[in-house]
Amino acid sequence: MSETFEYVGDELDVFAHAARWKDYFGSQLRPVIQGDVLEVGAGIGGTAQVLGSSSVRSWTALEPDPRMGEDLERRLRACSALFGFSARRSHGTIRSLAASPRFDTILYIDVLEHIEDDRGELEQAARRLRPGGKLCVLSPALSWLFSEFDARIGHHRRYDRTTLVALTPPRTRLRWVRYLDSVGLGASLANRFLLRSSTPTRSQIIFWDRLMVPLSRPLDWLLRYRVGRSILAVWERSA
């Protein structure tokens, strides 16, 4: 993801309909999100709406695609009014940030898979964490599910537990890593090997979000988060 990065297609608008999915991964992350938050690859600002809370003091939305500016600004204003934190948009990438700001939480929500040098990216992020700060990554899971859709929207890879844990930055420790959406994994398998669709339709997203995600929540817990179509990891910066 470079300074001139631009999203391909309308995947952000399509996945904006996935309200139950956002609430699900949000329930996993909200307990660790606090203080000064940096969101890398903020897109149109949907994540701040999902993960914002009274525990957040400030929210910096870092986004390299200039086309996202208007929507992002509007959603940040709404979040600021709703949750009471200060919010600002910043154009660029983690490498373009000044070295001085430090954050309590840094988020990569469906972003790290777009970045070619993922190891270097997380090392840069870890340097900008305060002691005890959290680095959170949500990404598509399982390399053998890599599809035409992944390639079309600029994904370099999908992750499994081994490959994601291997990216643990210096001076951090892994708090936990979990697979999410075990039921949705079946839909991804069908698309990968049968439908071979280059992009999900709005109706497919709504079907998955309304029927599959609610089933995944209890099933994932029963399976101890060992299987799913997405993977979520949280690291903590050492003192």
Protein backbone atom coordinates (compact mmCIF):
# COMPACT_ATOMS: atom_id res chain seq x y z
CA MET A 1 0.00 0.00 0.00
CA SER A 2 1.72 3.13 -1.26
CA GLU A 3 1.07 6.85 -0.92
CA THR A 4 -0.84 6.70 -4.23
CA PHE A 5 -2.87 3.59 -3.37
CA GLU A 6 -6.40 3.44 -4.77
CA TYR A 7 -9.09 0.86 -4.01
CA VAL A 8 -10.16 -1.25 -6.96
CA GLY A 9 -13.88 -1.68 -7.56
CA ASP A 10 -16.65 -1.13 -5.03
CA GLU A 11 -15.82 -3.74 -2.39
CA LEU A 12 -15.98 -1.16 0.41
CA ASP A 13 -19.54 -0.24 -0.53
CA VAL A 14 -20.56 -3.90 -0.90
CA PHE A 15 -19.18 -4.93 2.50
CA ALA A 16 -20.74 -1.87 4.13
CA HIS A 17 -23.90 -4.02 4.31
CA ALA A 18 -22.22 -6.57 6.59
CA ALA A 19 -23.50 -5.10 9.87
CA ARG A 20 -23.60 -8.36 11.82
CA TRP A 21 -20.09 -9.29 10.77
CA LYS A 22 -18.79 -5.92 11.90
CA ASP A 23 -20.56 -6.28 15.23
CA TYR A 24 -19.03 -9.76 15.63
CA PHE A 25 -15.39 -8.85 15.10
CA GLY A 26 -16.07 -5.63 16.97
CA SER A 27 -17.14 -7.62 20.03
CA GLN A 28 -13.77 -9.38 19.92
CA LEU A 29 -11.74 -6.17 19.65
CA ARG A 30 -13.57 -3.54 21.71
CA PRO A 31 -12.15 -4.76 25.06
CA VAL A 32 -8.57 -4.01 23.90
CA ILE A 33 -9.19 -0.72 22.08
CA GLN A 34 -8.56 2.38 24.17
CA GLY A 35 -6.74 5.68 24.42
CA ASP A 36 -5.24 7.18 21.29
CA VAL A 37 -6.12 4.99 18.31
CA LEU A 38 -4.46 4.86 14.88
CA GLU A 39 -6.43 3.10 12.16
CA VAL A 40 -4.26 2.25 9.14
CA GLY A 41 -6.15 2.05 5.85
CA ALA A 42 -9.33 3.64 7.19
CA GLY A 43 -11.20 3.50 3.86
CA ILE A 44 -14.60 5.18 4.13
CA GLY A 45 -14.57 5.24 7.95
CA GLY A 46 -16.76 2.25 8.76
CA THR A 47 -14.38 0.80 11.37
CA ALA A 48 -14.50 3.84 13.65
CA GLN A 49 -18.28 3.54 13.70
CA VAL A 50 -18.00 -0.11 14.78
CA LEU A 51 -15.09 0.04 17.23
CA GLY A 52 -15.48 3.51 18.70
CA SER A 53 -16.35 3.74 22.41
CA SER A 54 -16.02 5.94 25.47
CA SER A 55 -12.65 4.23 26.14
CA VAL A 56 -11.16 6.00 23.10
CA ARG A 57 -9.56 9.42 23.61
CA SER A 58 -8.64 10.16 19.98
CA TRP A 59 -8.96 8.44 16.60
CA THR A 60 -6.52 9.05 13.74
CA ALA A 61 -7.78 7.63 10.44
CA LEU A 62 -4.79 7.06 8.13
CA GLU A 63 -5.79 6.56 4.50
CA PRO A 64 -3.64 6.73 1.32
CA ASP A 65 -6.52 6.90 -1.20
CA PRO A 66 -7.52 10.58 -1.59
CA ARG A 67 -10.90 9.60 -3.03
CA MET A 68 -12.02 8.41 0.42
CA GLY A 69 -11.69 11.90 1.94
CA GLU A 70 -15.27 13.15 1.89
CA ASP A 71 -16.92 9.95 3.18
CA LEU A 72 -14.18 9.46 5.74
CA GLU A 73 -14.48 12.99 7.09
CA ARG A 74 -18.26 12.68 7.40
CA ARG A 75 -18.11 9.42 9.34
CA LEU A 76 -15.34 10.69 11.61
CA ARG A 77 -17.44 13.73 12.52
CA ALA A 78 -20.37 11.47 13.34
CA CYS A 79 -18.19 9.21 15.49
CA SER A 80 -16.69 12.15 17.31
CA ALA A 81 -20.15 13.45 18.16
CA LEU A 82 -21.41 10.00 19.18
CA PHE A 83 -18.49 8.81 21.32
CA GLY A 84 -16.95 12.09 22.43
CA PHE A 85 -13.41 11.47 21.18
CA SER A 86 -11.41 13.76 18.93
CA ALA A 87 -11.03 12.45 15.37
CA ARG A 88 -8.92 13.44 12.42
CA ARG A 89 -8.10 12.18 8.95
CA SER A 90 -4.47 11.82 7.85
CA HIS A 91 -3.44 11.15 4.26
CA GLY A 92 -0.65 8.60 3.70
CA THR A 93 0.77 5.40 5.17
CA ILE A 94 2.46 4.37 8.41
CA ARG A 95 5.82 5.37 6.95
CA SER A 96 4.65 8.89 6.18
CA LEU A 97 3.63 9.58 9.77
CA ALA A 98 5.88 11.74 11.89
CA ALA A 99 8.03 9.68 14.25
CA SER A 100 6.86 11.50 17.38
CA PRO A 101 3.18 10.49 17.80
CA ARG A 102 2.61 7.38 19.92
CA PHE A 103 -0.61 5.42 20.15
CA ASP A 104 -2.31 3.07 22.59
CA THR A 105 -3.99 1.04 19.83
CA ILE A 106 -3.10 0.51 16.16
CA LEU A 107 -5.61 -1.23 13.87
CA TYR A 108 -5.27 -3.03 10.55
CA ILE A 109 -8.79 -4.13 9.63
CA ASP A 110 -8.69 -6.03 6.31
CA VAL A 111 -5.63 -4.00 5.32
CA LEU A 112 -2.42 -5.96 5.96
CA GLU A 113 -3.11 -8.36 3.08
CA HIS A 114 -2.91 -5.35 0.70
CA ILE A 115 0.64 -4.51 1.83
CA GLU A 116 3.53 -6.22 0.09
CA ASP A 117 6.04 -5.77 2.93
CA ASP A 118 3.77 -6.92 5.75
CA ARG A 119 6.62 -7.69 8.16
CA GLY A 120 8.16 -4.25 7.73
CA GLU A 121 4.73 -2.67 8.09
CA LEU A 122 4.06 -4.26 11.48
CA GLU A 123 7.56 -3.38 12.68
CA GLN A 124 6.86 0.25 11.78
CA ALA A 125 3.54 0.08 13.62
CA ALA A 126 5.07 -1.47 16.75
CA ARG A 127 7.54 1.43 17.00
CA ARG A 128 4.61 3.82 17.23
CA LEU A 129 2.97 2.01 20.15
CA ARG A 130 3.26 3.15 23.74
CA PRO A 131 4.33 0.50 26.28
CA GLY A 132 1.34 -1.76 26.84
CA GLY A 133 -0.24 -0.59 23.57
CA LYS A 134 -2.10 -3.07 21.37
CA LEU A 135 -1.55 -3.90 17.69
CA CYS A 136 -4.65 -5.52 16.16
CA VAL A 137 -4.86 -7.24 12.76
CA LEU A 138 -7.94 -8.71 11.05
CA SER A 139 -7.30 -10.39 7.68
CA PRO A 140 -8.66 -13.05 5.31
CA ALA A 141 -7.59 -16.53 6.36
CA LEU A 142 -6.15 -19.61 4.64
CA SER A 143 -3.89 -19.30 1.61
CA TRP A 144 -5.63 -22.15 -0.23
CA LEU A 145 -8.78 -19.99 -0.34
CA PHE A 146 -6.97 -17.31 -2.36
CA SER A 147 -9.38 -16.54 -5.21
CA GLU A 148 -9.88 -14.37 -8.25
CA PHE A 149 -11.64 -11.90 -5.96
CA ASP A 150 -8.54 -11.64 -3.73
CA ALA A 151 -6.34 -10.95 -6.73
CA ARG A 152 -8.77 -8.45 -8.23
CA ILE A 153 -8.94 -6.24 -5.15
CA GLY A 154 -5.18 -6.21 -4.57
CA HIS A 155 -4.59 -8.88 -1.94
CA HIS A 156 -1.02 -10.22 -1.84
CA ARG A 157 -1.91 -13.16 0.41
CA ARG A 158 -4.25 -14.73 2.95
CA TYR A 159 -2.95 -15.75 6.38
CA ASP A 160 -3.05 -18.75 8.65
CA ARG A 161 -2.03 -18.91 12.29
CA THR A 162 1.57 -19.84 11.50
CA THR A 163 2.21 -17.14 8.90
CA LEU A 164 0.54 -14.39 10.95
CA VAL A 165 2.26 -15.27 14.21
CA ALA A 166 5.58 -15.34 12.33
CA LEU A 167 5.15 -11.59 11.73
CA THR A 168 5.30 -10.80 15.48
CA PRO A 169 7.26 -7.51 15.64
CA PRO A 170 10.24 -7.01 17.96
CA ARG A 171 9.38 -5.76 21.46
CA THR A 172 5.85 -7.15 21.29
CA ARG A 173 4.21 -10.31 22.56
CA LEU A 174 1.25 -12.10 21.04
CA ARG A 175 -1.83 -11.80 23.24
CA TRP A 176 -4.03 -14.08 21.17
CA VAL A 177 -4.87 -15.20 17.63
CA ARG A 178 -8.30 -16.51 16.58
CA TYR A 179 -10.06 -17.72 13.47
CA LEU A 180 -13.54 -16.24 12.98
CA ASP A 181 -16.57 -17.20 10.86
CA SER A 182 -16.45 -20.99 10.65
CA VAL A 183 -19.83 -21.13 8.88
CA GLY A 184 -18.77 -18.50 6.36
CA LEU A 185 -15.79 -20.71 5.54
CA GLY A 186 -18.23 -22.98 3.73
CA ALA A 187 -19.38 -20.11 1.54
CA SER A 188 -15.77 -19.22 0.74
CA LEU A 189 -15.08 -22.83 -0.21
CA ALA A 190 -18.09 -22.86 -2.52
CA ASN A 191 -16.97 -19.67 -4.21
CA ARG A 192 -13.35 -20.78 -4.52
CA PHE A 193 -14.01 -24.19 -6.05
CA LEU A 194 -17.52 -24.05 -7.52
CA LEU A 195 -18.88 -20.56 -8.24
CA ARG A 196 -15.50 -18.94 -8.97
CA SER A 197 -17.08 -15.50 -8.70
CA SER A 198 -14.76 -12.54 -9.19
CA THR A 199 -16.74 -10.46 -6.69
CA PRO A 200 -19.59 -11.14 -4.22
CA THR A 201 -22.92 -9.52 -4.98
CA ARG A 202 -24.86 -7.38 -2.54
CA SER A 203 -27.43 -10.16 -2.10
CA GLN A 204 -24.69 -12.71 -1.33
CA ILE A 205 -23.17 -10.41 1.30
CA ILE A 206 -26.56 -9.87 2.93
CA PHE A 207 -27.29 -13.61 2.94
CA TRP A 208 -23.93 -14.39 4.55
CA ASP A 209 -24.22 -11.54 7.05
CA ARG A 210 -27.79 -12.24 8.17
CA LEU A 211 -27.74 -16.04 8.22
CA MET A 212 -24.17 -17.33 8.43
CA VAL A 213 -22.49 -14.85 10.75
CA PRO A 214 -25.04 -15.32 13.59
CA LEU A 215 -24.46 -19.09 13.35
CA SER A 216 -20.69 -18.61 13.38
CA ARG A 217 -20.64 -16.71 16.68
CA PRO A 218 -21.60 -19.67 18.95
CA LEU A 219 -19.95 -22.25 16.69
CA ASP A 220 -16.62 -20.42 16.68
CA TRP A 221 -16.66 -20.41 20.48
CA LEU A 222 -17.45 -24.13 20.58
CA LEU A 223 -14.59 -24.79 18.15
CA ARG A 224 -12.24 -22.63 20.29
CA TYR A 225 -11.68 -20.28 17.33
CA ARG A 226 -9.63 -22.90 15.47
CA VAL A 227 -11.26 -22.56 12.05
CA GLY A 228 -12.77 -19.74 10.01
CA ARG A 229 -12.59 -17.58 6.90
CA SER A 230 -10.94 -14.66 8.75
CA ILE A 231 -8.13 -14.47 11.28
CA LEU A 232 -7.70 -11.96 14.11
CA ALA A 233 -4.54 -11.33 16.12
CA VAL A 234 -3.63 -8.95 18.94
CA TRP A 235 -0.08 -8.09 20.05
CA GLU A 236 1.01 -5.99 23.04
CA ARG A 237 4.01 -3.68 23.14
CA SER A 238 6.48 -4.58 25.91
CA ALA A 239 7.26 -2.12 28.68
